[in-house]
Protein backbone atom coordinates (compact mmCIF):
# COMPACT_ATOMS: atom_id res chain seq x y z
CA MET A 1 65.71 101.88 91.43
CA VAL A 2 68.89 100.35 90.58
CA HIS A 3 69.98 98.91 87.24
CA LYS A 4 71.71 95.77 86.67
CA GLU A 5 73.81 95.06 84.19
CA ILE A 6 76.02 91.85 83.36
CA SER A 7 78.57 91.40 81.09
CA ALA A 8 81.37 88.66 80.23
CA GLY A 9 84.59 88.26 78.56
CA GLY A 10 87.73 86.35 78.69
CA VAL A 11 91.60 85.99 78.90
CA VAL A 12 92.37 83.96 75.52
CA TYR A 13 95.43 82.18 75.04
CA ARG A 14 96.60 80.07 71.94
CA LYS A 15 99.40 77.60 71.97
CA GLY A 16 101.42 77.44 68.89
CA ASN A 17 104.79 77.43 67.47
CA ALA A 18 105.83 80.32 69.32
CA GLY A 19 104.98 78.68 72.59
CA LEU A 20 102.08 79.90 74.57
CA GLU A 21 100.28 83.42 73.99
CA ILE A 22 97.75 85.64 75.58
CA GLN A 23 95.67 88.02 73.65
CA LEU A 24 95.14 91.40 74.89
CA ILE A 25 92.97 94.24 73.10
CA VAL A 26 93.81 97.92 72.86
CA ASP A 27 90.03 99.64 73.54
CA ARG A 28 89.15 102.98 71.89
CA TYR A 29 90.18 104.91 74.54
CA GLY A 30 93.91 103.87 74.18
CA LYS A 31 93.86 101.66 77.28
CA VAL A 32 94.80 97.83 77.29
CA ALA A 33 92.06 95.59 78.29
CA LEU A 34 90.41 92.26 78.12
CA PRO A 35 87.46 91.61 75.46
CA LYS A 36 84.33 91.66 77.05
CA GLY A 37 80.56 92.76 76.61
CA LYS A 38 77.19 92.78 77.29
CA MET A 39 74.64 89.83 77.88
CA GLU A 40 72.24 89.49 75.45
CA VAL A 41 68.77 88.18 76.44
CA GLY A 42 68.83 84.01 76.43
CA GLU A 43 72.48 84.11 76.87
CA THR A 44 74.55 82.46 79.56
CA VAL A 45 77.55 84.13 80.69
CA GLU A 46 80.09 81.59 78.89
CA GLU A 47 77.93 82.39 75.69
CA THR A 48 78.12 85.80 76.00
CA ALA A 49 81.83 85.88 76.71
CA LEU A 50 82.58 83.81 73.76
CA ARG A 51 80.39 85.99 71.48
CA GLU A 52 82.04 88.91 72.34
CA ILE A 53 86.08 87.57 72.09
CA LEU A 54 84.78 86.34 68.37
CA GLU A 55 82.94 90.04 67.42
CA GLU A 56 85.95 91.84 69.10
CA THR A 57 88.75 90.02 68.28
CA GLY A 58 87.68 87.58 65.25
CA THR A 59 88.94 84.76 67.49
CA ILE A 60 86.83 81.53 68.30
CA GLY A 61 87.40 80.04 71.61
CA VAL A 62 86.25 77.95 74.09
CA VAL A 63 85.56 78.11 77.85
CA LYS A 64 88.40 76.47 80.14
CA ALA A 65 87.56 77.75 83.47
CA PRO A 66 86.05 80.67 85.47
CA VAL A 67 88.61 83.27 86.38
CA ASP A 68 86.65 85.75 88.50
CA ILE A 69 83.73 88.13 88.66
CA ILE A 70 84.34 91.84 88.83
CA LYS A 71 81.45 94.07 90.92
CA TYR A 72 81.26 97.94 90.38
CA THR A 73 78.77 100.51 90.47
CA TYR A 74 78.79 103.57 87.82
CA HIS A 75 76.67 106.15 87.07
CA HIS A 76 74.69 106.15 83.84
CA PRO A 77 72.93 109.16 82.05
CA VAL A 78 69.49 107.88 81.53
CA HIS A 79 69.45 104.49 83.89
CA GLY A 80 71.28 106.32 86.91
CA LYS A 81 73.11 103.94 89.09
CA VAL A 82 74.17 100.68 87.60
CA ASP A 83 75.58 97.58 89.37
CA LYS A 84 77.71 96.28 86.79
CA GLU A 85 78.72 92.63 87.42
CA VAL A 86 81.47 91.33 84.38
CA HIS A 87 82.34 87.40 84.36
CA TYR A 88 85.73 86.94 83.20
CA PHE A 89 86.77 83.14 81.71
CA LEU A 90 90.01 81.49 80.52
CA VAL A 91 89.49 80.93 77.16
CA GLU A 92 91.76 78.83 74.72
CA ALA A 93 91.66 80.11 70.97
CA THR A 94 90.37 77.32 68.46
CA GLY A 95 90.07 78.96 65.72
CA GLY A 96 88.85 82.50 63.56
CA VAL A 97 91.07 85.16 62.07
CA THR A 98 92.67 87.71 64.51
CA GLU A 99 91.05 91.17 63.58
CA ALA A 100 90.04 94.23 65.78
CA GLN A 101 86.68 95.37 65.32
CA LEU A 102 87.28 98.74 64.61
CA ALA A 103 83.83 100.30 65.76
CA GLU A 104 84.83 99.05 69.33
CA ILE A 105 88.57 98.72 69.54
CA SER A 106 91.60 99.70 67.83
CA ALA A 107 93.93 96.59 68.02
CA VAL A 108 94.23 92.87 69.37
CA GLU A 109 97.43 91.81 70.24
CA TRP A 110 99.31 88.49 71.21
CA HIS A 111 101.82 88.49 73.43
CA GLU A 112 104.04 85.57 75.49
CA PRO A 113 102.90 85.43 79.05
CA LEU A 114 105.56 87.69 80.59
CA ALA A 115 105.24 90.26 78.22
CA ALA A 116 101.54 90.12 78.27
CA TRP A 117 101.59 90.62 81.97
CA ALA A 118 104.07 93.79 81.23
CA ARG A 119 101.87 95.11 78.43
CA GLY A 120 98.73 94.41 80.60
CA THR A 121 99.77 95.96 83.77
CA ASN A 122 100.89 99.40 81.75
CA ASN A 123 98.11 101.76 80.93
CA SER A 124 95.24 99.43 81.46
CA TYR A 125 92.42 99.29 84.00
CA SER A 126 93.28 97.87 87.63
CA ASN A 127 90.51 95.44 87.81
CA ASN A 128 91.76 93.94 84.53
CA ILE A 129 95.48 93.42 86.37
CA HIS A 130 93.82 91.26 88.78
CA ILE A 131 91.85 88.89 86.42
CA LEU A 132 94.97 88.58 84.10
CA ARG A 133 97.22 87.54 87.32
CA LYS A 134 94.76 84.90 88.27
CA ALA A 135 94.44 83.76 84.66
CA LEU A 136 98.06 83.11 84.47
CA ALA A 137 97.78 81.46 87.21
CA LEU A 138 95.32 78.95 85.87
CA LEU A 139 98.13 78.58 83.00
CA GLY A 140 100.69 77.67 85.56
CA ILE A 141 102.48 81.19 85.41
CA GLN A 142 103.07 83.12 88.48
CA VAL A 143 103.51 86.67 87.97
CA PHE A 144 103.83 89.50 90.66
């Protein structure tokens, strides 16, 4: 039997005195990534994304648009083959205090969009690059 796992997360942005900024995290493996986590019973994927962003980064946000869904399979030592689905959303930061959940991640960073693109495409996960590109396009920023 194939086990199914659903996670959700987001590309978080904020508009402030410094202009538009994009949030990236550094995970416990030292990789640049996007906040995400597993869905809990009774949650929608949007609720999961917002809860995980808050837990991992301290950021309170509002879902603005879906970005994409990534699907892949991995091998779990207990469950065996797992079909994983990760729903990503474009999320506008509306509050909170930026603080890394040190049990899960090592840093939370804010960058202007092109710096976020440069940072997010270096030492990161290949499927995150696709998500970051699509999210930036939704914000009117084209990167190549």
